[in-house]
Protein backbone atom coordinates (compact mmCIF):
# COMPACT_ATOMS: atom_id res chain seq x y z
CA UNK A 1 77.01 94.72 60.06
CA UNK A 2 74.92 95.01 63.24
CA UNK A 3 72.64 92.14 64.23
CA UNK A 4 69.79 92.43 66.74
CA UNK A 5 68.48 89.62 68.94
CA UNK A 6 65.21 89.85 70.91
CA UNK A 7 64.14 86.78 72.90
CA UNK A 8 60.57 88.13 73.33
CA UNK A 9 59.65 89.57 69.95
CA UNK A 10 62.18 88.20 67.50
CA UNK A 11 62.04 85.38 64.97
CA UNK A 12 64.99 83.40 63.67
CA UNK A 13 63.50 83.74 60.18
CA UNK A 14 64.11 87.48 60.28
CA UNK A 15 67.23 89.06 58.82
CA UNK A 16 68.27 90.35 62.24
CA UNK A 17 69.53 93.62 60.82
CA UNK A 18 67.16 96.06 62.47
CA UNK A 19 65.44 96.33 65.89
CA UNK A 20 62.18 95.66 64.00
CA UNK A 21 63.43 92.43 62.41
CA UNK A 22 65.49 90.79 65.17
CA UNK A 23 66.52 87.19 65.60
CA UNK A 24 65.18 85.38 68.63
CA UNK A 25 67.51 82.62 69.89
CA UNK A 26 71.13 81.91 70.61
CA UNK A 27 70.88 78.97 68.20
CA UNK A 28 70.56 81.44 65.35
CA UNK A 29 73.47 83.50 66.67
CA UNK A 30 75.67 80.43 67.14
CA UNK A 31 74.95 79.22 63.62
CA UNK A 32 76.31 82.45 62.12
CA UNK A 33 79.94 83.17 61.24
CA UNK A 34 80.54 86.82 61.93
CA UNK A 35 83.03 89.12 60.18
CA UNK A 36 85.39 91.85 61.37
CA UNK A 37 83.49 94.90 62.57
CA UNK A 38 80.21 93.07 63.14
CA UNK A 39 78.16 93.68 66.28
CA UNK A 40 75.69 91.37 68.02
CA UNK A 41 73.18 93.43 70.03
CA UNK A 42 71.06 91.62 72.61
CA UNK A 43 67.94 93.33 73.79
CA UNK A 44 67.95 94.54 77.37
CA UNK A 45 65.44 92.86 79.67
CA UNK A 46 65.60 89.57 77.76
CA UNK A 47 66.82 86.18 78.98
CA UNK A 48 68.60 84.01 76.43
CA UNK A 49 68.88 80.38 77.45
CA UNK A 50 71.70 78.10 76.44
CA UNK A 51 75.27 78.74 75.41
CA UNK A 52 76.39 81.82 73.50
CA UNK A 53 79.10 80.68 71.09
CA UNK A 54 79.10 82.83 67.93
CA UNK A 55 81.56 81.88 65.22
CA UNK A 56 84.18 83.84 63.30
CA UNK A 57 87.03 86.23 64.03
CA UNK A 58 87.38 89.95 64.08
CA UNK A 59 90.57 91.77 63.23
CA UNK A 60 92.99 94.06 65.02
CA UNK A 61 91.34 97.10 63.40
CA UNK A 62 87.77 95.79 63.57
CA UNK A 63 86.94 93.48 66.49
CA UNK A 64 83.54 91.87 66.74
CA UNK A 65 81.40 93.26 69.59
CA UNK A 66 78.65 91.69 71.69
CA UNK A 67 76.63 94.28 73.58
CA UNK A 68 73.07 95.31 74.33
CA UNK A 69 70.39 97.65 73.00
CA UNK A 70 67.28 99.21 74.42
CA UNK A 71 66.75 100.34 77.97
CA UNK A 72 66.47 98.37 81.20
CA UNK A 73 68.28 95.47 82.78
CA UNK A 74 71.26 93.80 81.18
CA UNK A 75 70.40 90.95 78.79
CA UNK A 76 70.90 87.61 80.54
CA UNK A 77 72.80 84.64 79.16
CA UNK A 78 71.56 81.70 81.21
CA UNK A 79 73.68 78.61 80.66
CA UNK A 80 71.13 76.57 82.58
CA UNK A 81 73.68 74.54 84.48
CA UNK A 82 75.31 73.24 81.31
CA UNK A 83 78.43 71.18 82.07
CA UNK A 84 81.35 69.61 80.27
CA UNK A 85 82.62 66.10 80.90
CA UNK A 86 86.07 64.61 81.22
CA UNK A 87 85.32 62.11 78.47
CA UNK A 88 83.49 64.51 76.18
CA UNK A 89 83.57 68.14 75.08
CA UNK A 90 85.16 70.38 77.69
CA UNK A 91 83.63 73.45 76.05
CA UNK A 92 80.03 72.36 76.76
CA UNK A 93 80.02 73.85 80.25
CA UNK A 94 80.39 77.53 79.35
CA UNK A 95 77.51 79.99 79.26
CA UNK A 96 79.68 82.16 76.96
CA UNK A 97 82.40 80.47 74.89
CA UNK A 98 85.23 81.57 72.61
CA UNK A 99 87.24 78.65 71.23
CA UNK A 100 90.29 79.32 69.03
CA UNK A 101 88.81 82.73 68.20
CA UNK A 102 90.29 86.20 68.13
CA UNK A 103 89.32 89.86 68.36
CA UNK A 104 86.06 89.66 70.26
CA UNK A 105 84.70 92.16 72.80
CA UNK A 106 81.83 91.46 75.21
CA UNK A 107 80.23 94.25 77.24
CA UNK A 108 77.24 94.74 79.45
CA UNK A 109 75.78 91.25 79.78
CA UNK A 110 74.52 89.31 82.79
CA UNK A 111 75.85 85.76 82.73
CA UNK A 112 74.75 82.88 84.94
CA UNK A 113 75.33 79.12 84.80
CA UNK A 114 73.63 77.47 87.75
CA UNK A 115 72.31 73.99 88.45
CA UNK A 116 69.75 74.45 91.25
CA UNK A 117 69.82 70.74 92.11
CA UNK A 118 73.59 70.49 92.74
CA UNK A 119 75.62 71.17 95.87
CA UNK A 120 79.20 70.05 96.34
CA UNK A 121 79.47 67.07 98.68
CA UNK A 122 82.56 65.97 100.59
CA UNK A 123 83.96 62.70 101.85
CA UNK A 124 85.92 62.57 105.08
CA UNK A 125 89.07 60.50 104.60
CA UNK A 126 91.36 59.19 107.33
CA UNK A 127 94.31 58.25 105.12
CA UNK A 128 96.96 59.56 104.52
CA UNK A 129 95.75 62.66 106.35
CA UNK A 130 92.48 63.42 108.08
CA UNK A 131 90.70 65.84 105.81
CA UNK A 132 87.71 66.31 103.58
CA UNK A 133 87.96 65.64 99.87
CA UNK A 134 85.57 66.30 97.03
CA UNK A 135 82.96 63.84 96.05
CA UNK A 136 83.50 63.76 92.30
CA UNK A 137 80.51 64.76 90.23
CA UNK A 138 80.75 63.98 86.50
CA UNK A 139 77.44 65.71 85.91
CA UNK A 140 78.70 68.96 87.41
CA UNK A 141 82.23 69.43 86.11
CA UNK A 142 83.61 72.15 83.90
CA UNK A 143 80.94 74.79 84.42
CA UNK A 144 81.86 78.41 83.62
CA UNK A 145 80.39 81.82 83.17
CA UNK A 146 82.86 82.69 80.39
CA UNK A 147 85.39 80.27 78.88
CA UNK A 148 88.10 81.65 76.59
CA UNK A 149 90.21 78.85 75.24
CA UNK A 150 92.91 78.40 72.61
CA UNK A 151 93.90 74.78 71.96
CA UNK A 152 96.94 73.65 69.88
CA UNK A 153 96.62 77.03 68.22
CA UNK A 154 99.73 79.21 68.35
CA UNK A 155 99.06 82.72 69.68
CA UNK A 156 95.49 83.85 70.28
CA UNK A 157 94.59 87.53 70.28
CA UNK A 158 92.31 90.14 71.84
CA UNK A 159 89.40 88.94 73.94
CA UNK A 160 87.87 91.68 76.12
CA UNK A 161 85.20 91.06 78.77
CA UNK A 162 83.90 94.32 80.22
CA UNK A 163 81.15 95.52 82.53
CA UNK A 164 79.37 92.17 82.83
CA UNK A 165 77.63 90.70 85.84
CA UNK A 166 78.74 87.08 86.20
CA UNK A 167 77.24 85.13 89.05
CA UNK A 168 75.94 81.83 90.43
CA UNK A 169 78.31 79.45 88.71
CA UNK A 170 78.16 76.25 90.71
CA UNK A 171 79.87 72.93 90.17
CA UNK A 172 82.53 70.63 91.46
CA UNK A 173 84.93 72.68 93.53
CA UNK A 174 88.12 71.26 92.00
CA UNK A 175 90.34 73.91 90.50
CA UNK A 176 89.19 75.10 87.05
CA UNK A 177 85.91 73.24 87.35
CA UNK A 178 83.60 76.10 88.37
CA UNK A 179 84.98 79.50 87.36
CA UNK A 180 83.45 82.89 86.72
CA UNK A 181 85.91 83.57 83.87
CA UNK A 182 88.57 81.15 82.65
CA UNK A 183 91.08 82.17 79.96
CA UNK A 184 93.26 79.17 79.13
CA UNK A 185 95.71 77.83 76.56
CA UNK A 186 95.68 74.06 76.21
CA UNK A 187 97.13 71.42 73.97
CA UNK A 188 98.25 67.83 73.57
CA UNK A 189 101.66 66.19 73.78
CA UNK A 190 103.48 67.11 70.58
CA UNK A 191 100.83 69.71 69.73
CA UNK A 192 101.21 73.37 68.72
CA UNK A 193 102.65 75.51 71.54
CA UNK A 194 99.90 77.93 72.52
CA UNK A 195 99.61 81.22 74.35
CA UNK A 196 97.64 84.44 73.97
CA UNK A 197 98.07 88.20 73.80
CA UNK A 198 95.69 90.97 74.90
CA UNK A 199 93.09 89.60 77.28
CA UNK A 200 91.28 92.36 79.15
CA UNK A 201 88.89 91.63 82.00
CA UNK A 202 87.58 94.98 83.24
CA UNK A 203 84.75 96.45 85.25
CA UNK A 204 82.89 93.19 85.89
CA UNK A 205 80.87 92.21 88.95
CA UNK A 206 81.59 88.56 89.73
CA UNK A 207 79.90 86.88 92.70
CA UNK A 208 78.83 83.54 94.14
CA UNK A 209 81.26 81.33 92.27
CA UNK A 210 81.96 77.74 93.39
CA UNK A 211 85.70 77.95 92.71
CA UNK A 212 87.59 80.95 91.32
CA UNK A 213 86.34 84.33 90.17
CA UNK A 214 88.91 84.94 87.40
CA UNK A 215 91.47 82.32 86.30
CA UNK A 216 94.17 82.73 83.64
CA UNK A 217 95.96 79.44 83.06
CA UNK A 218 98.15 77.54 80.58
CA UNK A 219 99.09 73.92 79.98
CA UNK A 220 102.24 75.24 78.25
CA UNK A 221 104.06 75.73 81.52
CA UNK A 222 106.86 73.20 81.99
CA UNK A 223 110.57 73.65 82.48
CA UNK A 224 110.66 76.04 85.44
CA UNK A 225 110.14 73.48 88.18
CA UNK A 226 106.42 73.26 87.50
CA UNK A 227 104.95 70.19 85.90
CA UNK A 228 101.59 68.57 86.23
CA UNK A 229 102.29 65.89 83.66
CA UNK A 230 100.93 62.63 85.06
CA UNK A 231 99.83 64.36 88.26
CA UNK A 232 97.09 62.21 89.88
CA UNK A 233 95.11 65.39 90.46
CA UNK A 234 95.48 66.33 86.80
CA UNK A 235 94.27 62.90 85.68
CA UNK A 236 90.90 63.86 87.10
CA UNK A 237 90.98 67.46 85.91
CA UNK A 238 91.50 68.35 82.27
CA UNK A 239 92.76 71.90 82.78
CA UNK A 240 95.06 71.20 85.73
CA UNK A 241 97.75 69.63 83.57
CA UNK A 242 100.81 70.56 81.55
CA UNK A 243 101.78 69.41 78.07
CA UNK A 244 104.88 71.34 77.01
CA UNK A 245 107.51 74.05 77.59
CA UNK A 246 106.61 77.31 79.29
CA UNK A 247 105.23 79.89 76.88
CA UNK A 248 104.10 83.07 78.60
CA UNK A 249 101.02 84.95 77.53
CA UNK A 250 101.23 88.75 77.26
CA UNK A 251 99.18 91.90 77.77
CA UNK A 252 96.78 90.37 80.28
CA UNK A 253 94.99 93.08 82.27
CA UNK A 254 92.54 92.44 85.12
CA UNK A 255 91.20 95.82 86.17
CA UNK A 256 88.41 97.40 88.22
CA UNK A 257 86.46 94.23 88.85
CA UNK A 258 84.42 93.55 91.99
CA UNK A 259 84.55 89.96 93.21
CA UNK A 260 82.41 88.67 96.08
CA UNK A 261 82.01 85.23 97.64
CA UNK A 262 84.15 82.73 95.82
CA UNK A 263 84.56 79.32 97.41
CA UNK A 264 88.21 79.33 96.29
CA UNK A 265 90.48 82.03 94.86
CA UNK A 266 89.45 85.46 93.70
CA UNK A 267 92.01 86.09 90.91
CA UNK A 268 94.68 83.67 89.65
CA UNK A 269 97.14 84.18 86.78
CA UNK A 270 99.61 81.57 85.51
CA UNK A 271 102.25 81.50 82.78
CA UNK A 272 102.01 85.18 81.88
CA UNK A 273 104.47 88.01 81.27
CA UNK A 274 103.73 91.48 82.62
CA UNK A 275 100.16 90.89 83.78
CA UNK A 276 98.57 93.91 85.45
CA UNK A 277 96.06 93.31 88.25
CA UNK A 278 94.80 96.70 89.43
CA UNK A 279 91.92 98.59 91.04
CA UNK A 280 89.99 95.42 91.90
CA UNK A 281 87.86 94.92 94.99
CA UNK A 282 87.91 91.33 96.27
CA UNK A 283 85.86 90.24 99.29
CA UNK A 284 85.04 86.94 100.99
CA UNK A 285 87.23 84.60 98.98
CA UNK A 286 88.00 81.07 100.14
CA UNK A 287 84.75 80.89 102.06
CA UNK A 288 84.77 77.09 101.89
CA UNK A 289 87.86 76.10 103.91
CA UNK A 290 87.56 72.47 102.79
CA UNK A 291 88.99 73.31 99.36
CA UNK A 292 92.17 74.93 100.68
CA UNK A 293 94.80 76.04 99.92
CA UNK A 294 93.60 79.25 98.31
CA UNK A 295 94.53 82.92 98.39
CA UNK A 296 92.52 85.88 97.24
CA UNK A 297 94.77 87.30 94.49
CA UNK A 298 97.87 85.53 93.22
CA UNK A 299 100.26 84.67 90.43
CA UNK A 300 101.85 81.29 89.71
CA UNK A 301 104.71 80.45 87.35
CA UNK A 302 104.56 83.98 85.93
CA UNK A 303 107.00 86.82 85.26
CA UNK A 304 106.62 90.55 85.92
CA UNK A 305 103.17 90.47 87.52
CA UNK A 306 102.06 93.84 88.89
CA UNK A 307 99.48 94.01 91.70
CA UNK A 308 98.47 97.59 92.43
CA UNK A 309 95.63 99.66 93.90
CA UNK A 310 93.56 96.64 94.88
CA UNK A 311 91.45 96.27 98.01
CA UNK A 312 91.28 92.72 99.33
CA UNK A 313 89.39 91.82 102.49
CA UNK A 314 87.68 89.10 104.56
CA UNK A 315 89.55 86.21 102.95
CA UNK A 316 88.81 83.03 104.90
CA UNK A 317 90.99 80.25 106.24
CA UNK A 318 94.69 79.86 106.97
CA UNK A 319 95.60 77.48 104.10
CA UNK A 320 96.54 79.86 102.61
CA UNK A 321 94.04 82.65 103.32
CA UNK A 322 96.23 85.62 102.42
CA UNK A 323 95.20 88.66 100.42
CA UNK A 324 98.14 88.24 98.01
CA UNK A 325 100.38 85.39 96.97
CA UNK A 326 103.52 85.37 94.81
CA UNK A 327 103.56 81.65 94.18
CA UNK A 328 106.02 79.08 92.88
CA UNK A 329 108.33 79.98 89.98
CA UNK A 330 107.41 83.66 89.76
CA UNK A 331 109.99 86.30 88.90
CA UNK A 332 110.07 90.10 89.09
CA UNK A 333 106.72 90.48 90.86
CA UNK A 334 105.58 93.81 92.33
CA UNK A 335 102.90 94.31 94.98
CA UNK A 336 102.31 98.00 95.62
CA UNK A 337 99.73 100.51 96.87
CA UNK A 338 97.19 97.85 97.88
CA UNK A 339 94.86 97.85 100.87
CA UNK A 340 94.57 94.53 102.70
CA UNK A 341 92.30 94.09 105.71
CA UNK A 342 90.54 91.42 107.79
CA UNK A 343 92.13 88.52 105.92
CA UNK A 344 92.32 85.43 108.16
CA UNK A 345 95.55 84.13 106.60
CA UNK A 346 97.39 87.45 106.60
CA UNK A 347 98.63 89.90 104.03
CA UNK A 348 101.25 88.24 101.82
CA UNK A 349 102.41 84.74 100.92
CA UNK A 350 105.64 84.21 99.00
CA UNK A 351 106.38 80.70 97.91
CA UNK A 352 109.72 79.10 97.00
CA UNK A 353 111.43 79.41 93.59
CA UNK A 354 110.58 83.11 93.38
CA UNK A 355 113.05 85.89 92.57
CA UNK A 356 113.19 89.68 92.80
CA UNK A 357 109.99 90.41 94.71
CA UNK A 358 109.30 94.10 95.43
CA UNK A 359 106.52 94.83 97.93
CA UNK A 360 105.94 98.43 98.90
CA UNK A 361 103.44 101.18 99.68
CA UNK A 362 100.80 98.73 100.96
CA UNK A 363 98.56 98.94 104.02
CA UNK A 364 97.76 95.79 105.97
CA UNK A 365 95.11 96.44 108.61
CA UNK A 366 93.41 93.94 110.92
CA UNK A 367 94.88 91.01 109.02
CA UNK A 368 95.23 87.93 111.17
CA UNK A 369 97.35 84.83 111.82
CA UNK A 370 100.81 85.91 110.54
CA UNK A 371 100.91 88.87 108.22
CA UNK A 372 103.81 87.60 106.06
CA UNK A 373 104.52 83.99 105.13
CA UNK A 374 107.77 83.86 103.18
CA UNK A 375 109.12 80.54 102.06
CA UNK A 376 112.78 80.02 101.03
CA UNK A 377 113.44 82.29 98.07
CA UNK A 378 116.10 82.11 95.40
CA UNK A 379 116.89 85.71 94.67
CA UNK A 380 115.71 88.41 97.00
CA UNK A 381 112.54 89.84 98.54
CA UNK A 382 112.24 93.48 99.54
CA UNK A 383 109.47 94.86 101.75
CA UNK A 384 109.66 98.63 102.07
CA UNK A 385 107.43 101.62 102.91
CA UNK A 386 104.52 99.44 104.00
CA UNK A 387 102.28 99.94 107.00
CA UNK A 388 101.27 96.95 109.10
CA UNK A 389 98.59 97.64 111.70
CA UNK A 390 98.47 94.73 114.15
CA UNK A 391 95.15 95.12 115.86
CA UNK A 392 95.17 91.80 117.72
CA UNK A 393 97.71 90.98 120.43
CA UNK A 394 98.39 87.44 119.21
CA UNK A 395 98.94 88.33 115.53
CA UNK A 396 102.54 87.85 114.48
CA UNK A 397 104.42 89.61 111.71
CA UNK A 398 105.66 86.30 110.32
CA UNK A 399 104.21 82.84 110.00
CA UNK A 400 105.95 79.64 109.04
CA UNK A 401 109.44 78.46 110.00
CA UNK A 402 111.47 80.02 107.19
CA UNK A 403 114.24 82.59 107.32
CA UNK A 404 116.60 84.04 104.70
CA UNK A 405 119.49 86.42 104.22
CA UNK A 406 117.75 87.66 101.06
CA UNK A 407 114.79 89.32 102.82
CA UNK A 408 115.07 93.07 103.36
CA UNK A 409 112.60 95.10 105.47
CA UNK A 410 113.22 98.84 105.08
CA UNK A 411 111.26 101.90 106.18
CA UNK A 412 108.14 99.91 107.08
CA UNK A 413 105.82 100.75 109.97
CA UNK A 414 104.84 98.00 112.39
CA UNK A 415 102.04 99.51 114.47
CA UNK A 416 100.69 97.36 117.32
CA UNK A 417 97.37 98.46 118.80
CA UNK A 418 98.13 96.90 122.22
CA UNK A 419 101.15 98.49 124.00
CA UNK A 420 104.25 96.56 125.03
CA UNK A 421 103.49 93.45 123.02
CA UNK A 422 106.16 91.10 121.77
CA UNK A 423 106.55 89.96 118.20
CA UNK A 424 108.65 87.22 116.63
CA UNK A 425 111.25 88.33 114.08
CA UNK A 426 113.35 86.40 111.60
CA UNK A 427 116.98 86.82 112.72
CA UNK A 428 118.63 86.36 109.32
CA UNK A 429 116.50 88.99 107.57
CA UNK A 430 117.82 92.55 107.21
CA UNK A 431 115.95 95.39 108.94
CA UNK A 432 116.72 98.99 108.06
CA UNK A 433 115.05 102.08 109.44
CA UNK A 434 111.66 100.60 110.31
CA UNK A 435 109.19 102.06 112.82
CA UNK A 436 108.11 99.76 115.68
CA UNK A 437 105.27 101.26 117.73
CA UNK A 438 103.97 99.58 120.88
CA UNK A 439 106.34 96.69 120.27
CA UNK A 440 108.61 95.76 123.16
CA UNK A 441 111.21 93.57 121.44
CA UNK A 442 112.86 94.84 118.28
CA UNK A 443 114.84 92.99 115.63
CA UNK A 444 118.43 93.84 114.81
CA UNK A 445 117.68 97.16 113.10
CA UNK A 446 120.59 99.63 112.92
CA UNK A 447 118.29 102.67 112.85
CA UNK A 448 114.92 101.79 114.39
CA UNK A 449 112.21 104.33 115.14
CA UNK A 450 109.55 104.01 117.81
CA UNK A 451 107.47 107.19 117.52
CA UNK A 452 103.70 106.92 117.09
CA UNK A 453 102.80 106.89 113.40
CA UNK A 454 100.53 109.54 112.01
CA UNK A 455 97.95 107.00 111.02
CA UNK A 456 94.33 106.25 111.89
CA UNK A 457 92.99 102.81 110.99
CA UNK A 458 90.34 102.95 108.31
CA UNK A 459 88.19 100.13 109.66
């Protein structure tokens, strides 16, 4: 059954089954339990105020769709600055909400959740370190564009968010408190282990977000050296906690999104298996350096993450500030065929407790600070067939104090714009057949090349 909703000309007393007899409000939509194969059609050019939280489940063969009808601008879901609270209902803060629901598809909406009277404030603390910290704001926590949550549920299935414009989500800048899209599995001590399968986030424009553009997270994440049980930070943040053993979510795809101006991260995935992050454009992440550390696109406590064909640029800050990050407790990650440029923190961060990292076919151009920050790994990191264009004389290849016998650099091109410059190398790493152009001091490479690369910088 197809249901029509028109904020200008509808009436909730109508049957909603034709464009001539549409419903009017989200209250009517939210009071309805939909069935497999149903479609909710929101009229273009209309603004619907409040939270969109329709009930029911689709099926594998017949998901429920939310889309638009008529011509003109996308229908707007305006959450109006709705927020959740630590003591109350964490789901209140979402403009669009799916809670323990399956087989839903959303396409072609504009989604906003903005409080025009709120701006994050900071307190400057002198102990134990001199830095700025958030001024907590109970009235502006847990605010989202889209919240997808399974809680003490088992395995959730099939939520697709496509071709939406999600913007102006403001709130407290703590992690998971002001997200464009958050897909999360949560629970309680002794509860039902929970994960999800088949989350697709594709073709969306996400901009002006006070924390992270797209977050995929799980509280079922313990046992791999990652625990936030009893963490003081977690005690003030419902989602930044863990409750039980690691249970990876599967078939998560983040594809062809454009993300602009996030105060924190652009894309973050945690506790997943085989996530694909591809063909995204991510610009001006981490613009508020006071909420560091952040990177533009990264995985955490995840296995088999594939980053490919992304363009990441103008990431701010040096804590972390990189385009890409393979973070703690990640295994079998691949970063390939990406274009990284003008990122203040460099190209790639690799944290400790990671294994079998394969990084190849990427271009790093005009990235700053140190291009590669590799912490102590536990099972091998291979950089090969990448091109690093060092356009500034003081930009190093490496940053940080770490070195390892497990790092291999093979057939890469290190192209310095300024002739006869020196670079610092890690002496324990293995170098095989790399090209070093305009670089005076070379590492211990058995077959180095120094000819000028056939490459013209793009920017």
